[in-house]
Structures are given as structure tokens and as C-alpha cells.
């Protein structure tokens, strides 16, 4: 699908990537990744950085994954450095049946400096 989206053509990306460990998305089987960071999240952020327009936002809910601390470490240490996306203040919410505070990550692609 991504090859059909032009570079820097999207105004906003808002998503909650699949949580294959917790949800069944296919009658037969869900995709299995040995390394979620390298096989899913790294290509995901690379593609988001490619298609989002400068000075626009990417909003991603990643809190309820089995990757827990590793995805948080990846976001804090690598997303800006590797993909040029600036971490903004997160949005937080509480679930309906839980008092756990959950973060929604917000990233901005910096404007082009001429």
C-alpha cells in the first residue's frame, strides 16, 4: 500500500498499530515477528517519516503492547535520531475499566529549513 502514497503528501497520521499478541485479526493466524522493533516498528516509523508533510503530526497509541519497556526505549532513544521525528508532549487517557494512565505518542516532522 505504501508505494501508492507520495512522499510528503500526508497531513496527519493517527493510528494504533495492531497488537497481535492480544487480538486475533485473522481467522487462521496473526503475523508473528521475532523482533517487533526491527520487523514492524522501525519500518513503520520510517514510512511515516517519508509520507508525512513537514511540520505535520504523527499520533500513535502504543501503550498496550507486550513490548512494554522496549517500545518506550525505542521511541525515546531512536525515533528522533533515526527518523527525524520530534517527540511532542504525549496525550494521556484512562481506560473505561481501568485507572491506568495510558500515553498516546505525538511526533512532529520538523519544517524544512531553507
Protein backbone atom coordinates (compact mmCIF):
# COMPACT_ATOMS: atom_id res chain seq x y z
CA UNK A 1 0.00 0.00 0.00
CA UNK A 2 2.73 2.49 0.93
CA UNK A 3 4.20 2.61 -2.57
CA UNK A 4 0.97 4.34 -3.62
CA UNK A 5 1.40 7.19 -1.14
CA UNK A 6 3.56 10.05 -2.39
CA UNK A 7 6.44 11.33 -0.29
CA UNK A 8 5.46 14.23 2.00
CA UNK A 9 1.82 14.11 0.91
CA UNK A 10 0.01 13.30 4.18
CA UNK A 11 -1.21 15.95 6.66
CA UNK A 12 -1.85 13.70 9.69
CA UNK A 13 -1.18 10.10 10.63
CA UNK A 14 -3.20 8.80 13.56
CA UNK A 15 -3.06 5.11 14.29
CA UNK A 16 -2.94 2.31 16.77
CA UNK A 17 -0.78 -0.40 15.20
CA UNK A 18 -2.04 -3.96 15.58
CA UNK A 19 -1.47 -5.69 18.87
CA UNK A 20 -1.07 -9.20 17.54
CA UNK A 21 -0.35 -10.68 20.96
CA UNK A 22 -3.74 -9.57 22.29
CA UNK A 23 -6.11 -9.52 19.32
CA UNK A 24 -6.96 -12.04 16.64
CA UNK A 25 -7.11 -10.17 13.32
CA UNK A 26 -7.32 -13.14 11.01
CA UNK A 27 -9.35 -16.34 11.26
CA UNK A 28 -6.27 -18.50 10.70
CA UNK A 29 -3.29 -16.74 12.18
CA UNK A 30 -1.78 -13.39 13.04
CA UNK A 31 1.62 -12.33 11.74
CA UNK A 32 4.44 -13.32 14.07
CA UNK A 33 7.52 -11.18 14.50
CA UNK A 34 10.61 -12.39 16.31
CA UNK A 35 11.71 -8.81 16.84
CA UNK A 36 8.83 -6.31 16.81
CA UNK A 37 11.12 -3.29 16.91
CA UNK A 38 13.15 -4.25 13.83
CA UNK A 39 10.46 -6.04 11.84
CA UNK A 40 7.44 -3.80 12.48
CA UNK A 41 8.06 -0.52 14.34
CA UNK A 42 11.27 0.55 12.58
CA UNK A 43 9.73 0.16 9.06
CA UNK A 44 6.50 1.73 10.35
CA UNK A 45 8.24 4.91 11.59
CA UNK A 46 10.45 5.05 8.50
CA UNK A 47 7.39 5.02 6.25
CA UNK A 48 5.54 7.56 8.41
CA UNK A 49 8.55 9.89 8.23
CA UNK A 50 8.61 9.52 4.45
CA UNK A 51 4.93 10.28 3.76
CA UNK A 52 4.15 12.95 6.38
CA UNK A 53 4.47 16.57 5.28
CA UNK A 54 6.95 18.82 7.09
CA UNK A 55 5.57 20.47 10.23
CA UNK A 56 2.75 17.88 10.45
CA UNK A 57 1.97 15.29 13.12
CA UNK A 58 2.01 11.55 13.67
CA UNK A 59 -0.13 10.34 16.57
CA UNK A 60 0.37 6.73 17.72
CA UNK A 61 -1.12 4.68 20.53
CA UNK A 62 1.40 2.02 21.61
CA UNK A 63 0.77 1.55 25.32
CA UNK A 64 -0.93 -1.87 25.34
CA UNK A 65 1.72 -3.94 23.64
CA UNK A 66 3.71 -6.84 25.01
CA UNK A 67 6.83 -4.87 24.08
CA UNK A 68 6.26 -2.61 27.07
CA UNK A 69 9.52 -1.00 28.06
CA UNK A 70 11.38 -1.93 24.86
CA UNK A 71 9.00 0.10 22.65
CA UNK A 72 9.24 3.02 25.10
CA UNK A 73 13.06 2.85 24.98
CA UNK A 74 12.97 2.66 21.18
CA UNK A 75 10.73 5.73 20.98
CA UNK A 76 12.75 7.80 23.43
CA UNK A 77 16.19 6.83 22.07
CA UNK A 78 15.76 6.21 18.36
CA UNK A 79 12.70 7.72 16.68
CA UNK A 80 14.03 11.28 16.59
CA UNK A 81 17.62 10.29 15.82
CA UNK A 82 16.81 7.64 13.20
CA UNK A 83 13.74 9.13 11.51
CA UNK A 84 13.95 12.87 12.24
CA UNK A 85 10.62 12.96 14.06
CA UNK A 86 10.44 15.23 17.10
CA UNK A 87 8.64 13.87 20.17
CA UNK A 88 5.95 16.28 21.39
CA UNK A 89 4.12 16.17 24.71
CA UNK A 90 2.09 12.96 24.87
CA UNK A 91 -1.65 12.87 25.19
CA UNK A 92 -2.88 10.72 28.09
CA UNK A 93 -6.16 8.99 28.87
CA UNK A 94 -7.59 6.41 31.25
CA UNK A 95 -9.42 3.34 30.06
CA UNK A 96 -13.09 2.82 30.79
CA UNK A 97 -12.48 -0.14 33.10
CA UNK A 98 -9.02 0.80 34.34
CA UNK A 99 -7.38 3.59 36.26
CA UNK A 100 -4.11 3.04 34.38
CA UNK A 101 -2.95 6.21 32.64
CA UNK A 102 -2.09 5.44 29.01
CA UNK A 103 0.03 7.58 26.69
CA UNK A 104 -0.61 8.43 23.09
CA UNK A 105 2.68 9.44 21.48
CA UNK A 106 2.75 12.57 19.32
CA UNK A 107 5.57 13.24 16.86
CA UNK A 108 6.13 16.18 14.53
CA UNK A 109 8.18 16.23 11.37
CA UNK A 110 10.23 19.45 11.56
CA UNK A 111 9.67 22.12 8.90
CA UNK A 112 12.10 22.33 6.04
CA UNK A 113 14.81 24.92 6.73
CA UNK A 114 15.88 26.79 3.64
